Amino acid sequence: MRILLADDHPQFPEFVEALLGPSFEIVGKVGDGQSLLEAGLKLKPDVIVTDISMPVLNGIEAAGQLQRAGCPARIIFLTVHSDPDFVRCCLATGALGYITKPRVALDLIPAIREALAGRLYISRYETQKRHI
């Protein structure tokens, strides 16, 4: 399976590429949403793994534009954000996965497999207690 990675922190795509190892082919790594849009349409990956917070165009906007352009890639968001509003916005783009970065080692490969099968995968997250 062909995977495109998008994250504005250069080390993180390297880590994800090492994690995915021999099971998947990484066809590209980009650092902003505009580059994601261009690479997604040009490289025709099976899966796009993207961050939300990126320069030029954020991941949510890029994912929506890719879907409207007819890009058939399955989209998985990989982000630090665990707020339910972010989850809803991302899934509204047609994404099939929402993974939090602290759970990347546990959740990314299962999320890719589920997305390829047309099923939704969302990371579990712990609710943090606020002290007043």
C-alpha atoms as a PDB file:
ATOM      1  CA  MET A   1       0.000   0.000   0.000  1.00  0.00           C
ATOM      2  CA  ARG A   2       1.192   3.470  -0.934  1.00  0.00           C
ATOM      3  CA  ILE A   3       1.233   6.065   1.868  1.00  0.00           C
ATOM      4  CA  LEU A   4       1.704   9.842   1.759  1.00  0.00           C
ATOM      5  CA  LEU A   5       2.767  11.531   5.029  1.00  0.00           C
ATOM      6  CA  ALA A   6       2.097  15.182   5.901  1.00  0.00           C
ATOM      7  CA  ASP A   7       3.436  16.883   9.025  1.00  0.00           C
ATOM      8  CA  ASP A   8       5.223  20.186   9.566  1.00  0.00           C
ATOM      9  CA  HIS A   9       7.675  18.684  12.077  1.00  0.00           C
ATOM     10  CA  PRO A  10      10.390  17.061   9.914  1.00  0.00           C
ATOM     11  CA  GLN A  11      11.321  14.381  12.463  1.00  0.00           C
ATOM     12  CA  PHE A  12       7.813  13.025  12.875  1.00  0.00           C
ATOM     13  CA  PRO A  13       7.344  11.693   9.314  1.00  0.00           C
ATOM     14  CA  GLU A  14      10.744  10.001   9.662  1.00  0.00           C
ATOM     15  CA  PHE A  15       9.532   8.296  12.845  1.00  0.00           C
ATOM     16  CA  VAL A  16       6.263   7.247  11.177  1.00  0.00           C
ATOM     17  CA  GLU A  17       8.129   5.907   8.141  1.00  0.00           C
ATOM     18  CA  ALA A  18      10.316   3.761  10.419  1.00  0.00           C
ATOM     19  CA  LEU A  19       7.211   2.556  12.272  1.00  0.00           C
ATOM     20  CA  LEU A  20       5.450   1.491   9.090  1.00  0.00           C
ATOM     21  CA  GLY A  21       8.573  -0.367   8.004  1.00  0.00           C
ATOM     22  CA  PRO A  22       8.378  -2.947   5.262  1.00  0.00           C
ATOM     23  CA  SER A  23       4.592  -3.284   5.399  1.00  0.00           C
ATOM     24  CA  PHE A  24       3.880  -0.066   3.503  1.00  0.00           C
ATOM     25  CA  GLU A  25       5.516   2.029   0.783  1.00  0.00           C
ATOM     26  CA  ILE A  26       5.999   5.696   1.688  1.00  0.00           C
ATOM     27  CA  VAL A  27       5.545   7.569  -1.614  1.00  0.00           C
ATOM     28  CA  GLY A  28       6.103  11.059  -0.207  1.00  0.00           C
ATOM     29  CA  LYS A  29       6.525  13.295   2.808  1.00  0.00           C
ATOM     30  CA  VAL A  30       5.333  16.903   2.816  1.00  0.00           C
ATOM     31  CA  GLY A  31       5.403  19.671   5.416  1.00  0.00           C
ATOM     32  CA  ASP A  32       2.387  21.869   4.645  1.00  0.00           C
ATOM     33  CA  GLY A  33      -1.198  21.590   3.491  1.00  0.00           C
ATOM     34  CA  GLN A  34      -0.674  23.051   0.020  1.00  0.00           C
ATOM     35  CA  SER A  35       2.094  20.524  -0.656  1.00  0.00           C
ATOM     36  CA  LEU A  36      -0.222  17.799   0.669  1.00  0.00           C
ATOM     37  CA  LEU A  37      -2.914  18.824  -1.786  1.00  0.00           C
ATOM     38  CA  GLU A  38      -0.488  18.815  -4.718  1.00  0.00           C
ATOM     39  CA  ALA A  39       1.230  15.540  -3.743  1.00  0.00           C
ATOM     40  CA  GLY A  40      -2.070  13.802  -3.006  1.00  0.00           C
ATOM     41  CA  LEU A  41      -3.361  14.545  -6.491  1.00  0.00           C
ATOM     42  CA  LYS A  42      -0.044  13.802  -8.239  1.00  0.00           C
ATOM     43  CA  LEU A  43       1.197  10.702  -6.369  1.00  0.00           C
ATOM     44  CA  LYS A  44      -2.197   8.990  -6.011  1.00  0.00           C
ATOM     45  CA  PRO A  45      -1.485   7.285  -2.655  1.00  0.00           C
ATOM     46  CA  ASP A  46      -3.819   4.673  -1.193  1.00  0.00           C
ATOM     47  CA  VAL A  47      -3.672   6.368   2.222  1.00  0.00           C
ATOM     48  CA  ILE A  48      -2.800   9.870   3.377  1.00  0.00           C
ATOM     49  CA  VAL A  49      -1.653  10.307   6.973  1.00  0.00           C
ATOM     50  CA  THR A  50      -1.830  13.998   7.850  1.00  0.00           C
ATOM     51  CA  ASP A  51      -1.444  16.340  10.772  1.00  0.00           C
ATOM     52  CA  ILE A  52      -4.059  19.035  11.391  1.00  0.00           C
ATOM     53  CA  SER A  53      -1.877  22.034  12.278  1.00  0.00           C
ATOM     54  CA  MET A  54       0.324  22.814   9.281  1.00  0.00           C
ATOM     55  CA  PRO A  55       1.330  26.039   7.527  1.00  0.00           C
ATOM     56  CA  VAL A  56      -0.132  27.451   4.301  1.00  0.00           C
ATOM     57  CA  LEU A  57      -3.235  25.226   4.447  1.00  0.00           C
ATOM     58  CA  ASN A  58      -4.188  23.145   7.485  1.00  0.00           C
ATOM     59  CA  GLY A  59      -4.766  19.405   7.220  1.00  0.00           C
ATOM     60  CA  ILE A  60      -8.555  19.686   7.534  1.00  0.00           C
ATOM     61  CA  GLU A  61      -8.766  22.189   4.654  1.00  0.00           C
ATOM     62  CA  ALA A  62      -6.369  20.117   2.523  1.00  0.00           C
ATOM     63  CA  ALA A  63      -8.325  16.893   3.195  1.00  0.00           C
ATOM     64  CA  GLY A  64     -11.594  18.571   2.238  1.00  0.00           C
ATOM     65  CA  GLN A  65     -10.112  19.904  -0.994  1.00  0.00           C
ATOM     66  CA  LEU A  66      -8.656  16.489  -1.834  1.00  0.00           C
ATOM     67  CA  GLN A  67     -12.043  14.845  -1.334  1.00  0.00           C
ATOM     68  CA  ARG A  68     -13.804  17.487  -3.459  1.00  0.00           C
ATOM     69  CA  ALA A  69     -11.168  16.996  -6.191  1.00  0.00           C
ATOM     70  CA  GLY A  70     -12.046  13.297  -6.326  1.00  0.00           C
ATOM     71  CA  CYS A  71      -8.878  11.989  -4.683  1.00  0.00           C
ATOM     72  CA  PRO A  72      -9.660   8.357  -3.764  1.00  0.00           C
ATOM     73  CA  ALA A  73      -7.034   8.130  -0.988  1.00  0.00           C
ATOM     74  CA  ARG A  74      -8.235   7.134   2.465  1.00  0.00           C
ATOM     75  CA  ILE A  75      -7.360   9.903   4.923  1.00  0.00           C
ATOM     76  CA  ILE A  76      -6.145   9.405   8.474  1.00  0.00           C
ATOM     77  CA  PHE A  77      -5.452  12.326  10.772  1.00  0.00           C
ATOM     78  CA  LEU A  78      -2.462  11.944  13.092  1.00  0.00           C
ATOM     79  CA  THR A  79      -2.439  14.808  15.561  1.00  0.00           C
ATOM     80  CA  VAL A  80      -1.860  16.025  19.103  1.00  0.00           C
ATOM     81  CA  HIS A  81      -5.447  17.309  19.275  1.00  0.00           C
ATOM     82  CA  SER A  82      -7.874  15.091  21.187  1.00  0.00           C
ATOM     83  CA  ASP A  83     -10.757  17.565  21.401  1.00  0.00           C
ATOM     84  CA  PRO A  84     -14.039  16.042  20.134  1.00  0.00           C
ATOM     85  CA  ASP A  85     -14.651  19.144  17.983  1.00  0.00           C
ATOM     86  CA  PHE A  86     -11.457  18.411  16.036  1.00  0.00           C
ATOM     87  CA  VAL A  87     -12.507  14.774  15.633  1.00  0.00           C
ATOM     88  CA  ARG A  88     -15.892  15.829  14.211  1.00  0.00           C
ATOM     89  CA  CYS A  89     -14.329  18.377  11.815  1.00  0.00           C
ATOM     90  CA  CYS A  90     -11.847  15.831  10.530  1.00  0.00           C
ATOM     91  CA  LEU A  91     -14.413  13.100  10.031  1.00  0.00           C
ATOM     92  CA  ALA A  92     -16.657  15.589   8.220  1.00  0.00           C
ATOM     93  CA  THR A  93     -14.005  15.740   5.474  1.00  0.00           C
ATOM     94  CA  GLY A  94     -14.570  12.052   4.795  1.00  0.00           C
ATOM     95  CA  ALA A  95     -11.529  10.879   6.767  1.00  0.00           C
ATOM     96  CA  LEU A  96     -11.637   7.325   8.089  1.00  0.00           C
ATOM     97  CA  GLY A  97      -9.092   7.650  10.861  1.00  0.00           C
ATOM     98  CA  TYR A  98      -8.215   9.918  13.750  1.00  0.00           C
ATOM     99  CA  ILE A  99      -5.073   8.983  15.680  1.00  0.00           C
ATOM    100  CA  THR A 100      -3.518  10.941  18.522  1.00  0.00           C
ATOM    101  CA  LYS A 101       0.268  11.210  18.373  1.00  0.00           C
ATOM    102  CA  PRO A 102       0.811   9.701  21.851  1.00  0.00           C
ATOM    103  CA  ARG A 103      -0.896   6.522  20.529  1.00  0.00           C
ATOM    104  CA  VAL A 104       0.805   6.386  17.124  1.00  0.00           C
ATOM    105  CA  ALA A 105       2.780   3.206  17.845  1.00  0.00           C
ATOM    106  CA  LEU A 106      -0.377   1.373  18.961  1.00  0.00           C
ATOM    107  CA  ASP A 107      -2.983   2.776  16.595  1.00  0.00           C
ATOM    108  CA  LEU A 108      -1.507   3.791  13.240  1.00  0.00           C
ATOM    109  CA  ILE A 109      -1.133   0.389  11.558  1.00  0.00           C
ATOM    110  CA  PRO A 110      -4.591  -0.814  12.705  1.00  0.00           C
ATOM    111  CA  ALA A 111      -6.047   2.535  11.533  1.00  0.00           C
ATOM    112  CA  ILE A 112      -4.471   2.128   8.087  1.00  0.00           C
ATOM    113  CA  ARG A 113      -5.845  -1.406   7.761  1.00  0.00           C
ATOM    114  CA  GLU A 114      -9.315  -0.309   8.854  1.00  0.00           C
ATOM    115  CA  ALA A 115      -9.302   2.669   6.491  1.00  0.00           C
ATOM    116  CA  LEU A 116      -8.263   0.454   3.569  1.00  0.00           C
ATOM    117  CA  ALA A 117     -11.235  -1.781   4.419  1.00  0.00           C
ATOM    118  CA  GLY A 118     -13.510   1.279   4.419  1.00  0.00           C
ATOM    119  CA  ARG A 119     -13.996   1.291   8.185  1.00  0.00           C
ATOM    120  CA  LEU A 120     -13.544   4.084  10.725  1.00  0.00           C
ATOM    121  CA  TYR A 121     -10.795   4.020  13.388  1.00  0.00           C
ATOM    122  CA  ILE A 122     -10.463   6.575  16.208  1.00  0.00           C
ATOM    123  CA  SER A 123      -7.800   6.525  18.940  1.00  0.00           C
ATOM    124  CA  ARG A 124      -8.913   6.163  22.495  1.00  0.00           C
ATOM    125  CA  TYR A 125      -7.872   9.017  24.694  1.00  0.00           C
ATOM    126  CA  GLU A 126      -7.863   9.589  28.378  1.00  0.00           C
ATOM    127  CA  THR A 127      -9.859  12.469  29.756  1.00  0.00           C
ATOM    128  CA  GLN A 128      -7.601  14.746  31.716  1.00  0.00           C
ATOM    129  CA  LYS A 129      -8.861  15.964  35.063  1.00  0.00           C
ATOM    130  CA  ARG A 130      -8.628  19.669  35.629  1.00  0.00           C
ATOM    131  CA  HIS A 131      -7.608  20.925  39.019  1.00  0.00           C
ATOM    132  CA  ILE A 132      -9.195  24.174  40.118  1.00  0.00           C
END
